[in-house]
Amino acid sequence: MKSILLGIMCYLPVVVLGQLQLINRDLTNPDMSLLYSGIENHLTIVGQNDFSGFRLTSATKSDITIKAETIVIIPITNAGLDTLSLFKGKKLLLTKVFKVTRLSDPIAQLAFTSDTVISVNKILANPFLTAIFPNSIYKTDIVIKFFECYIYKKNGERNVFSTAGNRLSEEMLTAIKNLSSRDELVFNDIKAGIAPVFGTRKLPSIKLAIR
């Protein structure tokens, strides 16, 4: 029962003295009291422009640094709860309980969908390979820099293309226009730049069937 109550606390309003709020600006919903383990989380103090003299402590002893107007915290636990306390001098200004969880591995997707069966028209309307952190609200830029596209037709014909960037090349699109139901696409050697979490990283291959 105690653990359930603590979990609920992560989504309750922060305990604040005054108008200050501590938020994680790396989240698509910064109101969520969430930290991702093993990576930098960039927090900010809403209602305060000058961070000089401020000090933030972590109940789990997470790594914390304050850089200009940004608080950088790297949780040392992979899962659980962490209570952050904000001080100015010896005065406690704010406490907030955060849930700590692991960030999912990034995956690629075609035409902004994770579907494994897709129509030719949908590909032609959105001829891009993008990437996401699935089941995550972590906000970061994942830039596809290179990929290969293998096209397999039911009659045994195979074509291989490669391109830089995240847009399907004209050669790929020309070949895709001639695909039929149950032909397949496989994207391999997908290289992505992910900042500020990782450098260039190779993403898992994805396989799709034509509807």
C-alpha atoms as a PDB file:
ATOM      1  CA  MET A   1       0.000   0.000   0.000  1.00  0.00           C
ATOM      2  CA  LYS A   2       2.898   2.304   0.832  1.00  0.00           C
ATOM      3  CA  SER A   3       4.468   1.837  -2.614  1.00  0.00           C
ATOM      4  CA  ILE A   4       1.141   2.582  -4.298  1.00  0.00           C
ATOM      5  CA  LEU A   5       0.783   5.826  -2.396  1.00  0.00           C
ATOM      6  CA  LEU A   6       4.334   6.842  -3.276  1.00  0.00           C
ATOM      7  CA  GLY A   7       3.661   6.100  -6.942  1.00  0.00           C
ATOM      8  CA  ILE A   8       0.585   8.308  -6.880  1.00  0.00           C
ATOM      9  CA  MET A   9       2.644  11.110  -5.361  1.00  0.00           C
ATOM     10  CA  CYS A  10       4.676  11.331  -8.580  1.00  0.00           C
ATOM     11  CA  TYR A  11       1.648  12.722 -10.356  1.00  0.00           C
ATOM     12  CA  LEU A  12       0.430  15.026  -7.604  1.00  0.00           C
ATOM     13  CA  PRO A  13       1.222  18.765  -7.593  1.00  0.00           C
ATOM     14  CA  VAL A  14       4.668  19.692  -6.342  1.00  0.00           C
ATOM     15  CA  VAL A  15       5.069  20.929  -2.780  1.00  0.00           C
ATOM     16  CA  VAL A  16       6.200  24.510  -3.316  1.00  0.00           C
ATOM     17  CA  LEU A  17       6.957  27.462  -1.126  1.00  0.00           C
ATOM     18  CA  GLY A  18       5.976  30.438  -3.266  1.00  0.00           C
ATOM     19  CA  GLN A  19       5.487  30.262  -7.003  1.00  0.00           C
ATOM     20  CA  LEU A  20       8.501  28.153  -7.984  1.00  0.00           C
ATOM     21  CA  GLN A  21       8.087  24.907  -9.921  1.00  0.00           C
ATOM     22  CA  LEU A  22      10.657  22.292 -10.873  1.00  0.00           C
ATOM     23  CA  ILE A  23       9.979  20.677 -14.258  1.00  0.00           C
ATOM     24  CA  ASN A  24      11.748  18.346 -16.665  1.00  0.00           C
ATOM     25  CA  ARG A  25      11.863  20.235 -19.943  1.00  0.00           C
ATOM     26  CA  ASP A  26      12.998  17.108 -21.841  1.00  0.00           C
ATOM     27  CA  LEU A  27       9.460  15.715 -21.634  1.00  0.00           C
ATOM     28  CA  THR A  28       6.690  16.295 -24.146  1.00  0.00           C
ATOM     29  CA  ASN A  29       4.512  16.824 -21.066  1.00  0.00           C
ATOM     30  CA  PRO A  30       6.750  18.709 -18.595  1.00  0.00           C
ATOM     31  CA  ASP A  31       4.041  18.568 -15.924  1.00  0.00           C
ATOM     32  CA  MET A  32       4.781  14.856 -15.485  1.00  0.00           C
ATOM     33  CA  SER A  33       7.093  14.141 -12.537  1.00  0.00           C
ATOM     34  CA  LEU A  34       9.372  11.801 -14.460  1.00  0.00           C
ATOM     35  CA  LEU A  35      13.114  11.254 -14.913  1.00  0.00           C
ATOM     36  CA  TYR A  36      14.808   8.876 -17.335  1.00  0.00           C
ATOM     37  CA  SER A  37      17.683   6.850 -15.920  1.00  0.00           C
ATOM     38  CA  GLY A  38      21.199   6.729 -17.307  1.00  0.00           C
ATOM     39  CA  ILE A  39      20.891   9.906 -19.376  1.00  0.00           C
ATOM     40  CA  GLU A  40      20.919  13.647 -18.820  1.00  0.00           C
ATOM     41  CA  ASN A  41      17.577  15.146 -17.789  1.00  0.00           C
ATOM     42  CA  HIS A  42      17.413  18.911 -18.173  1.00  0.00           C
ATOM     43  CA  LEU A  43      15.333  20.535 -15.469  1.00  0.00           C
ATOM     44  CA  THR A  44      14.429  24.144 -15.007  1.00  0.00           C
ATOM     45  CA  ILE A  45      12.931  26.238 -12.219  1.00  0.00           C
ATOM     46  CA  VAL A  46       9.771  27.908 -13.438  1.00  0.00           C
ATOM     47  CA  GLY A  47       9.400  31.354 -11.900  1.00  0.00           C
ATOM     48  CA  GLN A  48      13.129  31.946 -11.509  1.00  0.00           C
ATOM     49  CA  ASN A  49      15.628  33.430 -13.967  1.00  0.00           C
ATOM     50  CA  ASP A  50      18.745  33.649 -11.816  1.00  0.00           C
ATOM     51  CA  PHE A  51      19.908  30.219 -10.587  1.00  0.00           C
ATOM     52  CA  SER A  52      22.881  31.536  -8.601  1.00  0.00           C
ATOM     53  CA  GLY A  53      22.865  30.375  -5.004  1.00  0.00           C
ATOM     54  CA  PHE A  54      20.458  27.508  -5.706  1.00  0.00           C
ATOM     55  CA  ARG A  55      21.248  23.948  -4.687  1.00  0.00           C
ATOM     56  CA  LEU A  56      19.370  20.768  -5.593  1.00  0.00           C
ATOM     57  CA  THR A  57      19.705  17.534  -3.649  1.00  0.00           C
ATOM     58  CA  SER A  58      18.599  14.007  -4.505  1.00  0.00           C
ATOM     59  CA  ALA A  59      17.386  11.398  -2.014  1.00  0.00           C
ATOM     60  CA  THR A  60      19.094   8.691  -4.107  1.00  0.00           C
ATOM     61  CA  LYS A  61      22.319  10.690  -4.564  1.00  0.00           C
ATOM     62  CA  SER A  62      21.799  11.147  -8.315  1.00  0.00           C
ATOM     63  CA  ASP A  63      24.428  13.162 -10.184  1.00  0.00           C
ATOM     64  CA  ILE A  64      23.306  16.816 -10.297  1.00  0.00           C
ATOM     65  CA  THR A  65      24.967  19.902 -11.779  1.00  0.00           C
ATOM     66  CA  ILE A  66      23.616  23.396 -12.336  1.00  0.00           C
ATOM     67  CA  LYS A  67      24.741  25.044 -15.578  1.00  0.00           C
ATOM     68  CA  ALA A  68      23.595  28.630 -16.062  1.00  0.00           C
ATOM     69  CA  GLU A  69      19.786  28.343 -16.123  1.00  0.00           C
ATOM     70  CA  THR A  70      19.664  24.549 -16.464  1.00  0.00           C
ATOM     71  CA  ILE A  71      19.779  21.802 -13.852  1.00  0.00           C
ATOM     72  CA  VAL A  72      21.257  18.588 -15.273  1.00  0.00           C
ATOM     73  CA  ILE A  73      20.444  15.390 -13.398  1.00  0.00           C
ATOM     74  CA  ILE A  74      21.477  11.831 -14.255  1.00  0.00           C
ATOM     75  CA  PRO A  75      19.573   9.348 -12.065  1.00  0.00           C
ATOM     76  CA  ILE A  76      21.755   6.586 -10.667  1.00  0.00           C
ATOM     77  CA  THR A  77      18.859   4.152 -10.306  1.00  0.00           C
ATOM     78  CA  ASN A  78      17.086   2.483 -13.239  1.00  0.00           C
ATOM     79  CA  ALA A  79      13.666   2.497 -11.625  1.00  0.00           C
ATOM     80  CA  GLY A  80      11.960   3.750  -8.495  1.00  0.00           C
ATOM     81  CA  LEU A  81      11.397   7.109  -6.876  1.00  0.00           C
ATOM     82  CA  ASP A  82      13.652  10.067  -6.171  1.00  0.00           C
ATOM     83  CA  THR A  83      12.834  13.079  -4.023  1.00  0.00           C
ATOM     84  CA  LEU A  84      14.473  16.304  -5.183  1.00  0.00           C
ATOM     85  CA  SER A  85      14.834  19.210  -2.768  1.00  0.00           C
ATOM     86  CA  LEU A  86      15.629  22.734  -3.907  1.00  0.00           C
ATOM     87  CA  PHE A  87      17.459  25.084  -1.559  1.00  0.00           C
ATOM     88  CA  LYS A  88      18.738  28.644  -1.680  1.00  0.00           C
ATOM     89  CA  GLY A  89      21.410  28.772   0.939  1.00  0.00           C
ATOM     90  CA  LYS A  90      19.971  26.752   3.818  1.00  0.00           C
ATOM     91  CA  LYS A  91      16.356  27.622   3.020  1.00  0.00           C
ATOM     92  CA  LEU A  92      14.230  24.841   1.565  1.00  0.00           C
ATOM     93  CA  LEU A  93      12.189  26.239  -1.314  1.00  0.00           C
ATOM     94  CA  LEU A  94      10.672  23.180  -2.930  1.00  0.00           C
ATOM     95  CA  THR A  95      10.458  19.393  -2.738  1.00  0.00           C
ATOM     96  CA  LYS A  96       9.181  17.142  -5.489  1.00  0.00           C
ATOM     97  CA  VAL A  97       8.975  13.375  -5.918  1.00  0.00           C
ATOM     98  CA  PHE A  98       9.941  12.045  -9.349  1.00  0.00           C
ATOM     99  CA  LYS A  99       9.411   8.607 -10.808  1.00  0.00           C
ATOM    100  CA  VAL A 100      12.583   7.206 -12.385  1.00  0.00           C
ATOM    101  CA  THR A 101      12.285   4.845 -15.342  1.00  0.00           C
ATOM    102  CA  ARG A 102      14.457   3.502 -18.139  1.00  0.00           C
ATOM    103  CA  LEU A 103      14.305   5.134 -21.563  1.00  0.00           C
ATOM    104  CA  SER A 104      13.248   2.698 -24.276  1.00  0.00           C
ATOM    105  CA  ASP A 105      15.586   1.960 -27.166  1.00  0.00           C
ATOM    106  CA  PRO A 106      14.885   4.048 -30.286  1.00  0.00           C
ATOM    107  CA  ILE A 107      13.269   2.404 -33.302  1.00  0.00           C
ATOM    108  CA  ALA A 108      12.743   3.493 -36.892  1.00  0.00           C
ATOM    109  CA  GLN A 109       9.391   3.856 -38.607  1.00  0.00           C
ATOM    110  CA  LEU A 110       8.249   4.481 -42.159  1.00  0.00           C
ATOM    111  CA  ALA A 111       5.715   7.157 -43.077  1.00  0.00           C
ATOM    112  CA  PHE A 112       5.326   8.166 -39.410  1.00  0.00           C
ATOM    113  CA  THR A 113       3.712   4.865 -38.436  1.00  0.00           C
ATOM    114  CA  SER A 114       4.842   1.760 -36.594  1.00  0.00           C
ATOM    115  CA  ASP A 115       2.461  -0.445 -38.622  1.00  0.00           C
ATOM    116  CA  THR A 116       4.076  -3.503 -40.182  1.00  0.00           C
ATOM    117  CA  VAL A 117       1.586  -3.568 -43.079  1.00  0.00           C
ATOM    118  CA  ILE A 118       1.381  -0.414 -45.161  1.00  0.00           C
ATOM    119  CA  SER A 119      -0.105   0.792 -48.448  1.00  0.00           C
ATOM    120  CA  VAL A 120       1.906   2.154 -51.349  1.00  0.00           C
ATOM    121  CA  ASN A 121      -0.148   5.368 -51.274  1.00  0.00           C
ATOM    122  CA  LYS A 122       0.717   5.993 -47.626  1.00  0.00           C
ATOM    123  CA  ILE A 123       4.413   5.597 -48.362  1.00  0.00           C
ATOM    124  CA  LEU A 124       4.228   7.956 -51.338  1.00  0.00           C
ATOM    125  CA  ALA A 125       2.360  10.545 -49.256  1.00  0.00           C
ATOM    126  CA  ASN A 126       4.943  10.368 -46.433  1.00  0.00           C
ATOM    127  CA  PRO A 127       8.226   9.167 -47.980  1.00  0.00           C
ATOM    128  CA  PHE A 128      10.298   9.515 -44.825  1.00  0.00           C
ATOM    129  CA  LEU A 129      12.096   7.234 -42.413  1.00  0.00           C
ATOM    130  CA  THR A 130      11.910   8.647 -38.891  1.00  0.00           C
ATOM    131  CA  ALA A 131      12.615   7.337 -35.396  1.00  0.00           C
ATOM    132  CA  ILE A 132      11.039   7.461 -31.951  1.00  0.00           C
ATOM    133  CA  PHE A 133      11.551   6.274 -28.396  1.00  0.00           C
ATOM    134  CA  PRO A 134       8.498   3.977 -28.114  1.00  0.00           C
ATOM    135  CA  ASN A 135       6.243   4.241 -25.060  1.00  0.00           C
ATOM    136  CA  SER A 136       8.144   7.313 -23.960  1.00  0.00           C
ATOM    137  CA  ILE A 137       7.462  11.022 -23.495  1.00  0.00           C
ATOM    138  CA  TYR A 138      11.141  11.902 -23.813  1.00  0.00           C
ATOM    139  CA  LYS A 139      11.554  14.827 -26.205  1.00  0.00           C
ATOM    140  CA  THR A 140      14.686  14.807 -28.329  1.00  0.00           C
ATOM    141  CA  ASP A 141      15.772  15.065 -31.932  1.00  0.00           C
ATOM    142  CA  ILE A 142      16.470  11.781 -33.731  1.00  0.00           C
ATOM    143  CA  VAL A 143      17.846  12.491 -37.192  1.00  0.00           C
ATOM    144  CA  ILE A 144      18.089   9.633 -39.693  1.00  0.00           C
ATOM    145  CA  LYS A 145      21.394  10.060 -41.531  1.00  0.00           C
ATOM    146  CA  PHE A 146      21.593   6.962 -43.725  1.00  0.00           C
ATOM    147  CA  PHE A 147      19.687   3.770 -44.539  1.00  0.00           C
ATOM    148  CA  GLU A 148      19.399   0.930 -47.036  1.00  0.00           C
ATOM    149  CA  CYS A 149      16.110  -0.220 -48.529  1.00  0.00           C
ATOM    150  CA  TYR A 150      15.655  -3.819 -49.707  1.00  0.00           C
ATOM    151  CA  ILE A 151      12.633  -4.512 -51.897  1.00  0.00           C
ATOM    152  CA  TYR A 152      11.454  -8.113 -52.194  1.00  0.00           C
ATOM    153  CA  LYS A 153       8.768  -9.030 -54.713  1.00  0.00           C
ATOM    154  CA  LYS A 154       6.673 -12.195 -54.659  1.00  0.00           C
ATOM    155  CA  ASN A 155       8.189 -13.305 -57.950  1.00  0.00           C
ATOM    156  CA  GLY A 156      11.642 -13.458 -56.336  1.00  0.00           C
ATOM    157  CA  GLU A 157      12.919 -10.160 -57.721  1.00  0.00           C
ATOM    158  CA  ARG A 158      15.085  -8.192 -55.289  1.00  0.00           C
ATOM    159  CA  ASN A 159      16.349  -4.604 -55.423  1.00  0.00           C
ATOM    160  CA  VAL A 160      18.661  -2.810 -53.008  1.00  0.00           C
ATOM    161  CA  PHE A 161      18.955   0.959 -52.627  1.00  0.00           C
ATOM    162  CA  SER A 162      20.703   3.270 -50.182  1.00  0.00           C
ATOM    163  CA  THR A 163      20.483   6.963 -49.442  1.00  0.00           C
ATOM    164  CA  ALA A 164      21.721   9.643 -47.087  1.00  0.00           C
ATOM    165  CA  GLY A 165      19.199  11.540 -44.984  1.00  0.00           C
ATOM    166  CA  ASN A 166      15.713  10.441 -43.959  1.00  0.00           C
ATOM    167  CA  ARG A 167      13.809  10.816 -47.248  1.00  0.00           C
ATOM    168  CA  LEU A 168      13.301   7.865 -49.575  1.00  0.00           C
ATOM    169  CA  SER A 169      15.229   8.435 -52.796  1.00  0.00           C
ATOM    170  CA  GLU A 170      13.507   8.833 -56.147  1.00  0.00           C
ATOM    171  CA  GLU A 171      14.831   5.396 -57.152  1.00  0.00           C
ATOM    172  CA  MET A 172      13.216   3.861 -54.085  1.00  0.00           C
ATOM    173  CA  LEU A 173       9.908   5.615 -54.740  1.00  0.00           C
ATOM    174  CA  THR A 174       9.869   4.530 -58.384  1.00  0.00           C
ATOM    175  CA  ALA A 175      10.349   0.915 -57.336  1.00  0.00           C
ATOM    176  CA  ILE A 176       7.739   1.179 -54.570  1.00  0.00           C
ATOM    177  CA  LYS A 177       5.119   2.520 -57.007  1.00  0.00           C
ATOM    178  CA  ASN A 178       5.256  -0.825 -58.799  1.00  0.00           C
ATOM    179  CA  LEU A 179       4.789  -2.994 -55.703  1.00  0.00           C
ATOM    180  CA  SER A 180       1.792  -5.240 -55.107  1.00  0.00           C
ATOM    181  CA  SER A 181       0.124  -6.770 -52.083  1.00  0.00           C
ATOM    182  CA  ARG A 182       2.443  -8.985 -50.013  1.00  0.00           C
ATOM    183  CA  ASP A 183       5.620  -7.596 -51.546  1.00  0.00           C
ATOM    184  CA  GLU A 184       8.012  -6.607 -48.782  1.00  0.00           C
ATOM    185  CA  LEU A 185      10.284  -3.743 -47.754  1.00  0.00           C
ATOM    186  CA  VAL A 186      13.212  -4.142 -45.368  1.00  0.00           C
ATOM    187  CA  PHE A 187      15.194  -1.174 -44.064  1.00  0.00           C
ATOM    188  CA  ASN A 188      18.715  -2.029 -42.906  1.00  0.00           C
ATOM    189  CA  ASP A 189      21.830  -0.215 -41.708  1.00  0.00           C
ATOM    190  CA  ILE A 190      19.737   2.646 -40.324  1.00  0.00           C
ATOM    191  CA  LYS A 191      22.071   5.247 -38.841  1.00  0.00           C
ATOM    192  CA  ALA A 192      20.662   8.004 -36.693  1.00  0.00           C
ATOM    193  CA  GLY A 193      22.062  10.979 -34.840  1.00  0.00           C
ATOM    194  CA  ILE A 194      20.431  11.308 -31.429  1.00  0.00           C
ATOM    195  CA  ALA A 195      21.126  14.411 -29.368  1.00  0.00           C
ATOM    196  CA  PRO A 196      21.769  14.984 -26.532  1.00  0.00           C
ATOM    197  CA  VAL A 197      21.337  11.345 -25.449  1.00  0.00           C
ATOM    198  CA  PHE A 198      23.662   9.510 -27.842  1.00  0.00           C
ATOM    199  CA  GLY A 199      25.918  10.208 -30.780  1.00  0.00           C
ATOM    200  CA  THR A 200      25.393   8.408 -34.092  1.00  0.00           C
ATOM    201  CA  ARG A 201      23.674   5.099 -33.440  1.00  0.00           C
ATOM    202  CA  LYS A 202      22.588   2.167 -35.596  1.00  0.00           C
ATOM    203  CA  LEU A 203      18.887   1.374 -35.220  1.00  0.00           C
ATOM    204  CA  PRO A 204      17.287  -2.068 -35.575  1.00  0.00           C
ATOM    205  CA  SER A 205      16.125  -3.101 -39.046  1.00  0.00           C
ATOM    206  CA  ILE A 206      12.412  -2.883 -39.826  1.00  0.00           C
ATOM    207  CA  LYS A 207      10.337  -5.088 -42.132  1.00  0.00           C
ATOM    208  CA  LEU A 208       7.030  -4.114 -43.754  1.00  0.00           C
ATOM    209  CA  ALA A 209       4.569  -5.843 -46.033  1.00  0.00           C
ATOM    210  CA  ILE A 210       2.633  -4.032 -48.729  1.00  0.00           C
ATOM    211  CA  ARG A 211      -1.109  -4.009 -48.122  1.00  0.00           C
END
